[in-house]
Each structure stands twice: as structure tokens, then as C-alpha cells.
N, C-alpha and C. Protein backbone atom coordinates (compact mmCIF):
# COMPACT_ATOMS: atom_id res chain seq x y z
N MET A 1 30.56 -10.12 22.71
CA MET A 1 30.74 -9.08 23.64
C MET A 1 32.19 -9.74 24.27
N ASN A 2 33.13 -8.77 24.63
CA ASN A 2 34.23 -9.36 25.03
C ASN A 2 34.29 -9.04 26.73
N THR A 3 35.02 -10.17 27.51
CA THR A 3 34.95 -10.12 28.42
C THR A 3 36.36 -9.65 29.08
N ASN A 4 36.35 -9.49 30.38
CA ASN A 4 37.58 -8.95 30.83
C ASN A 4 38.90 -9.89 30.63
N ALA A 5 38.81 -11.37 30.89
CA ALA A 5 39.59 -12.33 30.51
C ALA A 5 40.24 -12.07 29.30
N GLN A 6 39.66 -11.77 28.14
CA GLN A 6 39.61 -11.59 26.66
C GLN A 6 40.46 -10.12 26.68
N TYR A 7 40.50 -9.62 27.51
CA TYR A 7 41.76 -8.17 27.51
C TYR A 7 42.67 -8.60 28.08
N ALA A 8 42.83 -9.37 29.47
CA ALA A 8 43.57 -9.61 29.73
C ALA A 8 44.66 -10.45 29.17
N ALA A 9 44.13 -11.59 28.57
CA ALA A 9 44.59 -12.52 27.37
C ALA A 9 45.65 -11.57 26.45
N THR A 10 44.92 -10.54 25.95
CA THR A 10 45.55 -9.48 25.19
C THR A 10 46.68 -8.64 25.68
N VAL A 11 46.32 -8.03 27.03
CA VAL A 11 47.40 -7.67 27.66
C VAL A 11 48.88 -8.68 27.73
N LEU A 12 48.81 -9.43 28.13
CA LEU A 12 49.78 -11.04 27.66
C LEU A 12 50.02 -11.01 26.97
N ARG A 13 49.23 -11.38 25.58
CA ARG A 13 49.88 -11.68 24.49
C ARG A 13 50.49 -10.20 23.74
N LEU A 14 50.35 -9.27 24.05
CA LEU A 14 50.95 -7.86 23.74
C LEU A 14 52.12 -7.72 24.40
N SER A 15 52.56 -7.90 25.67
CA SER A 15 53.92 -7.70 26.55
C SER A 15 54.73 -9.16 26.33
N LEU A 16 54.25 -10.37 25.69
CA LEU A 16 55.28 -11.49 25.36
C LEU A 16 55.63 -10.72 24.23
N GLY A 17 54.77 -10.50 23.14
CA GLY A 17 55.02 -10.67 21.59
C GLY A 17 56.14 -9.27 21.86
N ILE A 18 56.22 -8.12 22.75
CA ILE A 18 57.08 -6.93 22.93
C ILE A 18 58.64 -7.45 23.49
N MET A 19 58.44 -8.87 24.40
CA MET A 19 59.78 -9.24 25.05
C MET A 19 60.31 -10.42 23.54
N TYR A 20 59.68 -10.89 23.24
CA TYR A 20 60.44 -11.74 22.03
C TYR A 20 60.74 -11.12 21.16
N LEU A 21 60.18 -10.09 20.77
CA LEU A 21 60.77 -8.99 19.66
C LEU A 21 61.99 -8.70 20.20
N ALA A 22 62.10 -7.18 21.02
CA ALA A 22 63.23 -7.30 21.29
C ALA A 22 64.15 -7.98 21.54
N HIS A 23 64.00 -9.02 22.29
CA HIS A 23 65.06 -10.30 22.28
C HIS A 23 65.72 -10.25 20.96
N GLY A 24 65.02 -10.83 20.16
CA GLY A 24 65.33 -11.16 19.10
C GLY A 24 66.08 -10.09 18.15
N LEU A 25 65.59 -8.97 18.61
CA LEU A 25 66.52 -7.26 17.84
C LEU A 25 67.67 -7.15 18.42
N LEU A 26 67.58 -7.70 19.59
CA LEU A 26 68.68 -7.52 20.58
C LEU A 26 70.23 -8.47 19.80
N LYS A 27 69.85 -9.70 19.63
CA LYS A 27 70.53 -10.69 18.65
C LYS A 27 71.21 -9.93 16.93
N LEU A 28 69.82 -9.42 17.10
CA LEU A 28 70.15 -9.07 15.66
C LEU A 28 70.91 -7.90 15.25
N ILE A 29 70.67 -7.10 15.89
CA ILE A 29 71.36 -5.78 15.96
C ILE A 29 72.69 -5.61 16.74
N VAL A 30 72.61 -5.67 18.06
CA VAL A 30 73.23 -5.48 19.02
C VAL A 30 74.57 -6.75 19.08
N PHE A 31 73.77 -7.81 18.93
CA PHE A 31 74.89 -9.22 19.09
C PHE A 31 75.21 -9.94 17.67
N THR A 32 74.32 -9.25 16.57
CA THR A 32 74.76 -9.69 15.20
C THR A 32 74.48 -10.74 14.91
N PRO A 33 73.97 -11.44 13.97
CA PRO A 33 74.22 -12.70 13.49
C PRO A 33 75.52 -13.78 13.84
N GLU A 34 76.49 -13.16 13.37
CA GLU A 34 77.70 -13.56 13.74
C GLU A 34 78.14 -13.83 15.06
N GLY A 35 77.57 -12.78 15.72
CA GLY A 35 78.05 -12.93 17.23
C GLY A 35 77.24 -13.61 18.20
N THR A 36 75.48 -13.64 17.20
CA THR A 36 74.82 -14.76 18.02
C THR A 36 75.54 -16.15 17.67
N SER A 37 75.65 -16.61 16.54
CA SER A 37 75.76 -17.82 16.11
C SER A 37 77.40 -18.20 16.42
N GLY A 38 78.39 -17.66 17.13
CA GLY A 38 79.48 -17.71 17.61
C GLY A 38 78.75 -18.04 19.46
N PHE A 39 77.98 -17.47 20.10
CA PHE A 39 77.80 -17.71 21.26
C PHE A 39 77.11 -19.04 21.37
N PHE A 40 76.42 -19.04 20.43
CA PHE A 40 75.84 -20.81 20.27
C PHE A 40 76.34 -21.84 19.80
N VAL A 41 77.70 -21.62 19.43
CA VAL A 41 78.62 -22.67 18.94
C VAL A 41 79.73 -23.00 20.23
N SER A 42 80.04 -21.87 21.25
CA SER A 42 80.29 -21.39 22.67
C SER A 42 79.52 -22.69 23.77
N LEU A 43 77.96 -22.78 23.11
CA LEU A 43 77.75 -23.42 24.41
C LEU A 43 77.62 -25.03 23.48
N GLY A 44 78.27 -25.12 22.42
CA GLY A 44 78.18 -26.77 21.86
C GLY A 44 77.03 -26.82 21.29
N LEU A 45 76.48 -25.74 20.73
CA LEU A 45 75.56 -26.17 19.31
C LEU A 45 75.78 -25.85 18.15
N PRO A 46 74.62 -26.16 17.16
CA PRO A 46 75.39 -25.92 15.91
C PRO A 46 75.18 -24.64 15.61
N ALA A 47 76.04 -23.88 15.02
CA ALA A 47 75.84 -22.37 14.62
C ALA A 47 74.73 -22.06 13.99
N PHE A 48 74.33 -23.02 13.17
CA PHE A 48 72.76 -21.89 12.65
C PHE A 48 71.64 -22.08 13.84
N PHE A 49 72.04 -22.56 15.05
CA PHE A 49 70.94 -22.24 16.05
C PHE A 49 70.81 -20.85 16.55
N GLY A 50 72.17 -20.27 16.36
CA GLY A 50 71.81 -18.38 16.60
C GLY A 50 70.62 -17.92 15.86
N PRO A 51 71.20 -17.78 14.96
CA PRO A 51 70.26 -17.00 13.66
C PRO A 51 68.77 -17.97 13.93
N LEU A 52 68.68 -19.18 14.02
CA LEU A 52 67.42 -19.83 13.66
C LEU A 52 66.71 -19.14 14.95
N THR A 53 67.24 -19.16 15.94
CA THR A 53 66.30 -18.67 17.09
C THR A 53 66.20 -17.53 17.04
N MET A 54 67.17 -16.45 17.18
CA MET A 54 67.02 -14.76 16.53
C MET A 54 65.48 -14.38 15.74
N ALA A 55 65.71 -15.50 14.45
CA ALA A 55 64.23 -15.20 13.60
C ALA A 55 63.16 -15.69 14.27
N VAL A 56 63.32 -16.87 14.85
CA VAL A 56 61.64 -17.20 15.88
C VAL A 56 61.44 -16.46 16.57
N GLU A 57 62.59 -15.32 17.67
CA GLU A 57 61.73 -15.07 18.38
C GLU A 57 61.28 -13.25 17.86
N ILE A 58 61.96 -12.96 16.39
CA ILE A 58 61.68 -11.69 16.05
C ILE A 58 60.08 -12.21 15.27
N GLY A 59 60.21 -13.34 14.56
CA GLY A 59 58.81 -13.70 14.06
C GLY A 59 57.63 -14.25 15.09
N ALA A 60 58.09 -14.57 16.09
CA ALA A 60 56.79 -15.28 16.85
C ALA A 60 56.66 -13.47 17.65
N GLY A 61 57.72 -12.74 17.99
CA GLY A 61 56.71 -11.69 18.78
C GLY A 61 56.08 -10.88 17.58
N ILE A 62 56.39 -10.80 16.31
CA ILE A 62 55.48 -9.87 15.58
C ILE A 62 53.65 -10.75 15.21
N ALA A 63 54.38 -12.02 15.46
CA ALA A 63 53.00 -12.71 15.19
C ALA A 63 52.19 -12.44 16.84
N LEU A 64 52.87 -12.63 17.79
CA LEU A 64 52.00 -12.20 19.07
C LEU A 64 51.44 -10.61 19.09
N ILE A 65 51.88 -9.61 18.50
CA ILE A 65 51.60 -9.18 18.55
C ILE A 65 50.52 -8.47 17.95
N LEU A 66 50.69 -9.08 16.49
CA LEU A 66 49.39 -8.64 15.43
C LEU A 66 48.26 -9.82 16.39
N GLY A 67 48.42 -10.96 16.85
CA GLY A 67 47.35 -11.90 17.37
C GLY A 67 47.41 -12.77 15.85
N ILE A 68 48.30 -12.94 15.84
CA ILE A 68 48.41 -14.14 14.75
C ILE A 68 48.38 -16.02 15.19
N PHE A 69 47.46 -16.76 15.49
CA PHE A 69 47.85 -17.90 16.45
C PHE A 69 48.48 -18.27 17.20
N SER A 70 47.89 -17.14 18.11
CA SER A 70 49.05 -16.55 19.55
C SER A 70 49.35 -17.99 20.26
N ARG A 71 48.03 -18.35 20.48
CA ARG A 71 47.68 -19.08 21.62
C ARG A 71 49.31 -20.70 20.99
N TRP A 72 49.34 -21.26 19.77
CA TRP A 72 50.46 -21.95 19.34
C TRP A 72 51.65 -21.25 19.48
N ILE A 73 51.81 -20.04 18.86
CA ILE A 73 52.96 -19.10 18.99
C ILE A 73 53.65 -19.33 20.26
N ALA A 74 52.54 -19.21 21.18
CA ALA A 74 53.38 -19.19 22.98
C ALA A 74 53.98 -20.28 23.20
N ALA A 75 52.88 -21.69 22.62
CA ALA A 75 53.32 -22.61 23.15
C ALA A 75 54.69 -23.32 22.63
N ALA A 76 54.83 -23.12 20.88
CA ALA A 76 56.35 -23.17 20.38
C ALA A 76 57.75 -22.86 21.09
N LEU A 77 57.09 -21.41 21.87
CA LEU A 77 58.24 -20.77 22.51
C LEU A 77 58.58 -21.45 23.80
N ILE A 78 58.05 -22.19 24.17
CA ILE A 78 58.26 -23.10 25.80
C ILE A 78 59.42 -23.86 25.45
N PRO A 79 59.72 -23.79 24.41
CA PRO A 79 60.59 -25.49 24.07
C PRO A 79 62.24 -24.63 24.10
N VAL A 80 62.08 -23.43 23.51
CA VAL A 80 63.33 -21.95 23.46
C VAL A 80 63.66 -21.50 24.68
N LEU A 81 62.68 -21.54 25.31
CA LEU A 81 62.81 -20.89 26.61
C LEU A 81 63.59 -21.69 27.85
N PHE A 82 63.10 -23.08 27.82
CA PHE A 82 63.33 -24.18 28.23
C PHE A 82 64.99 -24.39 28.20
N GLY A 83 65.42 -24.12 26.79
CA GLY A 83 66.81 -24.54 26.34
C GLY A 83 67.64 -23.22 26.73
N SER A 84 66.71 -22.07 27.19
CA SER A 84 68.23 -20.84 27.83
C SER A 84 67.99 -21.06 28.97
N ILE A 85 67.08 -22.06 30.10
CA ILE A 85 67.08 -22.43 31.21
C ILE A 85 68.60 -23.40 30.99
N VAL A 86 68.61 -24.46 30.41
CA VAL A 86 69.40 -25.72 30.48
C VAL A 86 70.83 -25.30 30.13
N LEU A 87 71.17 -24.51 29.03
CA LEU A 87 72.04 -24.48 28.04
C LEU A 87 72.76 -22.70 28.76
N VAL A 88 72.00 -22.03 29.23
CA VAL A 88 72.60 -20.71 29.43
C VAL A 88 72.43 -19.74 30.96
N HIS A 89 71.36 -20.43 31.41
CA HIS A 89 70.90 -19.60 32.75
C HIS A 89 71.30 -20.20 34.17
N GLY A 90 70.78 -21.63 33.73
CA GLY A 90 70.61 -22.48 35.00
C GLY A 90 71.66 -22.44 36.25
N ALA A 91 73.10 -22.49 35.15
CA ALA A 91 74.28 -22.85 35.74
C ALA A 91 74.17 -21.40 37.26
N SER A 92 73.40 -20.23 36.62
CA SER A 92 73.87 -18.99 37.36
C SER A 92 72.88 -19.09 38.42
N GLY A 93 71.86 -19.68 38.47
CA GLY A 93 71.55 -19.92 39.79
C GLY A 93 69.87 -19.14 39.75
N TRP A 94 69.23 -18.62 40.74
CA TRP A 94 67.61 -18.62 40.22
C TRP A 94 67.53 -17.00 39.97
N LEU A 95 68.51 -16.08 40.78
CA LEU A 95 68.10 -14.38 40.41
C LEU A 95 68.43 -14.16 39.18
N PHE A 96 67.98 -13.39 37.85
CA PHE A 96 68.55 -12.97 36.84
C PHE A 96 69.27 -11.84 36.99
N SER A 97 69.40 -11.33 38.16
CA SER A 97 70.37 -10.15 38.11
C SER A 97 71.89 -10.93 38.46
N ASN A 98 71.97 -12.17 38.61
CA ASN A 98 73.44 -12.46 38.98
C ASN A 98 74.14 -12.52 37.78
N GLN A 99 75.36 -12.65 37.99
CA GLN A 99 76.40 -13.11 36.44
C GLN A 99 76.26 -13.79 35.66
N GLY A 100 76.02 -13.91 34.76
CA GLY A 100 75.35 -14.61 33.73
C GLY A 100 74.00 -14.51 33.85
N GLY A 101 73.18 -14.03 34.14
CA GLY A 101 71.66 -13.93 34.49
C GLY A 101 71.02 -15.36 34.42
N GLY A 102 70.78 -15.38 36.03
CA GLY A 102 69.94 -16.57 36.31
C GLY A 102 68.88 -17.09 35.47
N TRP A 103 68.37 -18.07 36.40
CA TRP A 103 67.17 -18.79 35.25
C TRP A 103 65.10 -18.15 35.91
N GLU A 104 65.42 -17.22 36.84
CA GLU A 104 64.15 -16.73 37.27
C GLU A 104 63.43 -16.07 36.03
N TYR A 105 64.02 -15.35 34.94
CA TYR A 105 63.01 -14.72 34.23
C TYR A 105 62.57 -15.49 32.71
N PRO A 106 63.54 -16.54 32.57
CA PRO A 106 63.09 -17.43 31.83
C PRO A 106 62.13 -18.35 32.26
N ALA A 107 61.92 -19.00 33.21
CA ALA A 107 60.79 -19.40 33.63
C ALA A 107 59.92 -18.83 34.23
N PHE A 108 59.97 -17.33 34.38
CA PHE A 108 58.70 -16.53 34.67
C PHE A 108 57.85 -16.81 32.97
N LEU A 109 58.73 -16.29 31.84
CA LEU A 109 58.51 -16.65 30.99
C LEU A 109 57.66 -17.67 30.02
N ILE A 110 57.98 -18.74 30.71
CA ILE A 110 57.40 -20.10 30.60
C ILE A 110 56.27 -19.95 30.75
N ALA A 111 55.95 -19.41 32.20
CA ALA A 111 54.56 -19.56 32.87
C ALA A 111 53.73 -18.62 32.05
N ALA A 112 54.13 -17.38 31.85
CA ALA A 112 53.20 -16.76 30.54
C ALA A 112 53.24 -17.16 29.48
N SER A 113 53.84 -17.70 28.81
CA SER A 113 53.57 -18.84 27.76
C SER A 113 52.39 -19.50 27.86
N VAL A 114 52.49 -20.08 29.10
CA VAL A 114 51.91 -21.32 29.39
C VAL A 114 50.12 -20.74 29.85
N ALA A 115 50.07 -19.54 29.83
CA ALA A 115 49.13 -18.68 30.57
C ALA A 115 47.91 -18.30 29.36
N GLN A 116 49.48 -17.92 27.93
CA GLN A 116 49.18 -17.21 26.97
C GLN A 116 48.32 -18.61 26.23
N PHE A 117 48.92 -19.51 26.26
CA PHE A 117 48.60 -20.86 25.85
C PHE A 117 47.06 -21.21 26.18
N LEU A 118 46.68 -21.07 27.59
CA LEU A 118 45.16 -21.72 28.39
C LEU A 118 44.80 -20.75 28.03
N LEU A 119 44.80 -19.24 28.21
CA LEU A 119 44.06 -18.17 27.97
C LEU A 119 43.22 -17.99 26.06
N GLY A 120 44.43 -18.42 25.72
CA GLY A 120 43.77 -17.94 23.97
C GLY A 120 44.74 -16.99 23.24
N ASP A 121 43.81 -16.61 22.66
CA ASP A 121 44.36 -15.44 21.84
C ASP A 121 43.91 -13.73 22.17
N GLY A 122 42.76 -13.86 23.09
CA GLY A 122 42.61 -12.57 23.35
C GLY A 122 41.03 -11.78 22.67
N ALA A 123 41.33 -10.40 22.69
CA ALA A 123 40.78 -9.32 21.62
C ALA A 123 41.22 -9.03 21.04
N PHE A 124 41.09 -8.41 20.15
CA PHE A 124 41.99 -7.80 19.07
C PHE A 124 42.77 -8.62 17.85
N ALA A 125 42.67 -9.58 17.90
CA ALA A 125 43.36 -10.85 17.36
C ALA A 125 43.23 -10.53 16.03
N LEU A 126 44.24 -10.65 15.10
CA LEU A 126 44.18 -10.85 13.86
C LEU A 126 43.61 -12.30 12.92
N LYS A 127 44.11 -13.54 13.24
CA LYS A 127 43.84 -14.65 13.02
C LYS A 127 43.59 -15.62 14.38
N ARG A 128 42.37 -16.15 14.81
CA ARG A 128 42.43 -16.51 16.39
C ARG A 128 42.50 -18.33 15.97
N SER A 129 43.18 -18.63 16.92
CA SER A 129 43.25 -20.20 17.37
C SER A 129 41.90 -20.72 16.94
N LYS A 130 42.09 -21.85 16.16
CA LYS A 130 40.78 -22.54 15.91
C LYS A 130 40.10 -23.20 17.19
N SER A 131 41.30 -23.47 18.59
CA SER A 131 40.66 -23.89 19.77
C SER A 131 40.41 -23.38 20.43
N ASP A 132 40.36 -21.47 20.13
CA ASP A 132 40.04 -20.59 20.95
C ASP A 132 38.78 -20.37 20.97
N GLY A 133 38.48 -20.64 22.16
CA GLY A 133 36.62 -20.52 22.73
C GLY A 133 36.16 -19.09 22.25
N THR A 134 37.20 -18.04 21.99
CA THR A 134 36.66 -16.78 21.85
C THR A 134 36.65 -16.44 20.26
N ALA A 135 37.03 -17.82 19.65
CA ALA A 135 36.60 -17.49 17.81
C ALA A 135 35.51 -16.56 17.18
N ALA A 136 34.38 -17.20 18.26
CA ALA A 136 33.02 -16.55 17.55
C ALA A 136 32.61 -15.33 18.22
N GLN A 137 33.71 -14.67 18.96
CA GLN A 137 33.44 -13.45 19.45
C GLN A 137 33.86 -12.31 18.63
N THR A 138 33.58 -11.23 18.43
CA THR A 138 34.24 -10.15 17.42
C THR A 138 34.31 -9.31 18.37
N ALA A 139 36.38 -9.01 17.93
CA ALA A 139 36.99 -8.01 19.03
C ALA A 139 36.09 -6.68 18.65
């Protein structure tokens, strides 16, 4: 039997998945792989980090939406978010509405990703994480 916590985990999982997918697709469609690579180079990073980050965001977003190892996908995205704070948004102050986008939104996404990791996959996940306490229950 499902609990409210399982449904809450599902809502969080879907929200995070849609957000990560949207950010990856923004890099792919609007900024383009070349533009994304150029931006990463301007940060002093290797060019391949741009497309790699784009692919991670798209793949992770899809995995979260489908509920495939959600707990571990959420945990794996935390370093990406920390990187966005340290390398991009941190110098712009707290508010994300500041010029250059502050670090409040990535910090919130870190907290949401930690909550997803702690809650587990939730209801209706295609492939539950082995350490998810809900693995024996059906969606």
C-alpha cells in the first residue's frame, strides 16, 4: 500500500526530472552544444564539460521522470549543482534574479535533491533503488 510520503517523493521526483530535462534541453536547443562548450571554456573548464553536463541533465531528467534509480540519480546531480554555484552563480549573490543569476536556485535544487535521495523513488517508479524502503510495495 502506498503512503502519502511515497506520493510526495513522486511529486518531487517528477518536478526535479522536468527541471533537469528543461535545463539540459535549453543547453542543447537554445545555447547549442557549441555555445555551451564555449561558455564552459570561458569558465576555465575543458570544452567537453559543456556537452557532458548537457547530456547528464537530459539523461538524469528522463531517468527521474521515469523513476529509474531516482535516489542515486538525485545524489549524482548534487556535484553538478555545487559546480554551478562555485563556477557560475556564486559571484552573483544570493538572489537568482540578480544579474548573472545568484545561487539561491541551485542551492534549493541541492536541498530538493538531498530530500529525493532521503525519500527514495516514491510511487510509480519503473526501477526502484535497492536501498529504497518502498521496494517491496507496489505502485
